[in-house]
């Protein structure tokens, strides 16, 4: 903003502070590109516009508190800077990041080591299940599938609990824990 524009902003913001409503549009036209550009220097484009709008709302909401002895542009940019800081703090608290800053998703391919470990666990589980009674194995299989036999819920839960206790006991022998 050149010296003439700065002096005009000083005059118009002073008029707005005195309550002259006709100065509102003139101040908006002068400040909008300046505040939007200022916010664009600190925020991504899609966030800068929002922060600039919020800053102008604050500026117009507090226009009656403007001291005409102060520089109007500096005062407006101070309010805008505070609003930009507030905008960034809110985004950080919500743990938001722009999509440009988001990391690439990790490769979901299973490593050979993970496949081997999963295979060993499945084989150990099969061995432990084979050592259970047929009714315990059937109860745990039904539970894993989400099936409910024609039993009261409490009875089925108790059977599952007992079968899991027996499975844990079989698992602990070769593995030490479950």
Protein backbone atom coordinates (compact mmCIF):
# COMPACT_ATOMS: atom_id res chain seq x y z
CA UNK A 1 0.00 0.00 0.00
CA UNK A 2 1.44 3.34 -1.02
CA UNK A 3 1.60 6.45 1.18
CA UNK A 4 -1.58 7.93 -0.32
CA UNK A 5 -3.53 4.72 0.30
CA UNK A 6 -2.17 4.52 3.82
CA UNK A 7 -3.27 8.11 4.56
CA UNK A 8 -6.72 7.41 3.08
CA UNK A 9 -7.04 4.27 5.22
CA UNK A 10 -6.08 6.33 8.29
CA UNK A 11 -8.76 8.90 7.47
CA UNK A 12 -11.46 6.31 6.70
CA UNK A 13 -10.77 4.07 9.70
CA UNK A 14 -10.82 7.15 11.94
CA UNK A 15 -14.21 8.06 10.48
CA UNK A 16 -15.45 4.51 11.07
CA UNK A 17 -14.19 4.65 14.67
CA UNK A 18 -16.23 7.83 15.16
CA UNK A 19 -19.33 5.95 14.01
CA UNK A 20 -19.63 7.07 10.40
CA UNK A 21 -21.19 4.02 8.79
CA UNK A 22 -20.53 5.29 5.28
CA UNK A 23 -16.81 4.59 5.82
CA UNK A 24 -17.42 0.86 6.26
CA UNK A 25 -17.41 -0.05 2.55
CA UNK A 26 -14.42 2.15 1.78
CA UNK A 27 -12.37 0.58 4.60
CA UNK A 28 -13.37 -2.89 3.45
CA UNK A 29 -12.31 -2.19 -0.16
CA UNK A 30 -8.95 -0.84 1.04
CA UNK A 31 -8.22 -3.54 3.64
CA UNK A 32 -9.49 -6.75 2.02
CA UNK A 33 -6.64 -7.27 -0.50
CA UNK A 34 -4.03 -6.24 2.07
CA UNK A 35 -5.30 -8.56 4.82
CA UNK A 36 -5.88 -11.44 2.39
CA UNK A 37 -2.34 -11.09 1.04
CA UNK A 38 -0.92 -10.83 4.55
CA UNK A 39 -2.74 -14.03 5.62
CA UNK A 40 -1.58 -15.74 2.42
CA UNK A 41 2.01 -15.23 3.53
CA UNK A 42 1.46 -17.36 6.62
CA UNK A 43 -1.24 -19.89 5.70
CA UNK A 44 -2.08 -22.18 2.79
CA UNK A 45 -4.39 -20.49 0.24
CA UNK A 46 -7.58 -22.28 1.30
CA UNK A 47 -7.01 -21.30 4.95
CA UNK A 48 -5.76 -17.77 4.24
CA UNK A 49 -9.11 -16.63 2.88
CA UNK A 50 -10.94 -17.85 5.99
CA UNK A 51 -8.42 -16.26 8.34
CA UNK A 52 -8.59 -12.97 6.41
CA UNK A 53 -12.39 -12.94 6.66
CA UNK A 54 -12.22 -13.61 10.39
CA UNK A 55 -9.62 -10.85 10.76
CA UNK A 56 -11.84 -8.33 8.98
CA UNK A 57 -14.76 -9.30 11.20
CA UNK A 58 -12.56 -8.59 14.23
CA UNK A 59 -11.34 -5.30 12.75
CA UNK A 60 -14.86 -4.07 12.07
CA UNK A 61 -16.12 -5.39 15.39
CA UNK A 62 -13.43 -3.43 17.22
CA UNK A 63 -13.34 -0.37 14.96
CA UNK A 64 -14.74 1.84 17.73
CA UNK A 65 -11.64 0.95 19.83
CA UNK A 66 -9.27 2.25 17.14
CA UNK A 67 -7.12 5.12 18.39
CA UNK A 68 -6.73 7.68 15.56
CA UNK A 69 -3.27 8.61 16.91
CA UNK A 70 -2.05 5.13 15.90
CA UNK A 71 -1.24 4.02 12.37
CA UNK A 72 -4.37 2.43 10.86
CA UNK A 73 -2.54 -0.09 8.66
CA UNK A 74 -0.32 -1.27 11.51
CA UNK A 75 -3.35 -1.63 13.78
CA UNK A 76 -5.29 -3.62 11.16
CA UNK A 77 -2.32 -5.88 10.40
CA UNK A 78 -1.81 -6.42 14.13
CA UNK A 79 -5.38 -7.63 14.47
CA UNK A 80 -4.92 -9.79 11.36
CA UNK A 81 -1.69 -11.28 12.73
CA UNK A 82 -3.41 -12.18 15.97
CA UNK A 83 -6.25 -13.81 14.02
CA UNK A 84 -3.79 -15.79 11.88
CA UNK A 85 -2.07 -16.98 15.04
CA UNK A 86 -5.43 -17.99 16.51
CA UNK A 87 -6.35 -19.83 13.30
CA UNK A 88 -3.06 -21.79 13.34
CA UNK A 89 -3.44 -22.62 17.04
CA UNK A 90 -6.95 -23.96 16.51
CA UNK A 91 -5.79 -26.12 13.61
CA UNK A 92 -2.87 -27.45 15.64
CA UNK A 93 -5.12 -28.27 18.60
CA UNK A 94 -7.45 -30.18 16.29
CA UNK A 95 -4.31 -31.80 14.86
CA UNK A 96 -5.30 -30.75 11.38
CA UNK A 97 -2.83 -30.67 8.58
CA UNK A 98 -3.35 -29.58 5.05
CA UNK A 99 -3.56 -32.35 2.48
CA UNK A 100 -0.34 -31.13 0.92
CA UNK A 101 1.49 -31.84 4.20
CA UNK A 102 -0.08 -35.26 4.75
CA UNK A 103 2.41 -38.11 4.48
CA UNK A 104 1.99 -40.87 1.95
CA UNK A 105 0.17 -43.88 3.38
CA UNK A 106 2.54 -46.65 4.40
CA UNK A 107 2.91 -49.69 2.20
CA UNK A 108 0.34 -52.21 3.41
CA UNK A 109 2.14 -55.21 1.94
CA UNK A 110 2.85 -57.87 4.53
CA UNK A 111 6.52 -58.67 4.92
CA UNK A 112 7.74 -62.28 4.65
CA UNK A 113 8.66 -62.18 8.33
CA UNK A 114 5.13 -61.11 9.32
CA UNK A 115 3.69 -63.90 7.15
CA UNK A 116 5.92 -66.47 8.84
CA UNK A 117 4.99 -65.24 12.33
CA UNK A 118 1.27 -65.30 11.48
CA UNK A 119 1.63 -68.84 10.10
CA UNK A 120 3.39 -70.02 13.26
CA UNK A 121 0.70 -68.48 15.48
CA UNK A 122 -2.09 -70.06 13.43
CA UNK A 123 -0.42 -73.48 13.65
CA UNK A 124 0.07 -73.09 17.42
CA UNK A 125 -3.56 -72.08 17.84
CA UNK A 126 -4.70 -75.11 15.83
CA UNK A 127 -2.58 -77.40 18.03
CA UNK A 128 -4.03 -75.85 21.21
CA UNK A 129 -7.59 -76.09 19.86
CA UNK A 130 -7.07 -79.76 18.92
CA UNK A 131 -6.26 -80.52 22.55
CA UNK A 132 -9.66 -79.16 23.71
CA UNK A 133 -12.81 -81.22 23.95
CA UNK A 134 -15.12 -81.21 20.94
CA UNK A 135 -17.73 -79.13 22.78
CA UNK A 136 -15.16 -76.48 23.82
CA UNK A 137 -13.79 -76.27 20.24
CA UNK A 138 -17.35 -75.98 18.83
CA UNK A 139 -18.22 -73.26 21.37
CA UNK A 140 -15.14 -71.20 20.48
CA UNK A 141 -15.72 -71.69 16.73
CA UNK A 142 -19.34 -70.50 17.10
CA UNK A 143 -18.18 -67.51 19.13
CA UNK A 144 -15.52 -66.59 16.54
CA UNK A 145 -18.09 -66.75 13.71
CA UNK A 146 -20.59 -64.70 15.72
CA UNK A 147 -23.09 -67.57 15.81
CA UNK A 148 -25.34 -67.99 18.84
CA UNK A 149 -26.67 -71.48 19.62
CA UNK A 150 -30.14 -71.92 21.06
CA UNK A 151 -28.99 -71.24 24.60
CA UNK A 152 -29.65 -68.40 27.00
CA UNK A 153 -27.05 -65.64 26.57
CA UNK A 154 -25.65 -66.08 30.07
CA UNK A 155 -25.17 -69.83 29.50
CA UNK A 156 -23.37 -69.28 26.21
CA UNK A 157 -21.12 -66.56 27.71
CA UNK A 158 -20.20 -68.91 30.56
CA UNK A 159 -19.35 -71.73 28.13
CA UNK A 160 -17.18 -69.34 26.08
CA UNK A 161 -15.44 -68.15 29.24
CA UNK A 162 -14.68 -71.71 30.37
CA UNK A 163 -13.51 -72.77 26.88
CA UNK A 164 -11.19 -69.74 26.68
CA UNK A 165 -9.74 -70.58 30.10
CA UNK A 166 -8.98 -74.12 28.92
CA UNK A 167 -7.48 -72.78 25.67
CA UNK A 168 -5.23 -70.37 27.63
CA UNK A 169 -4.05 -73.28 29.79
CA UNK A 170 -3.12 -75.31 26.67
CA UNK A 171 -1.39 -72.29 25.09
CA UNK A 172 0.73 -71.52 28.19
CA UNK A 173 2.38 -74.92 28.24
CA UNK A 174 4.47 -74.42 25.06
CA UNK A 175 4.37 -70.59 24.82
CA UNK A 176 4.49 -69.32 28.37
CA UNK A 177 1.61 -66.82 28.07
CA UNK A 178 -1.48 -65.70 26.18
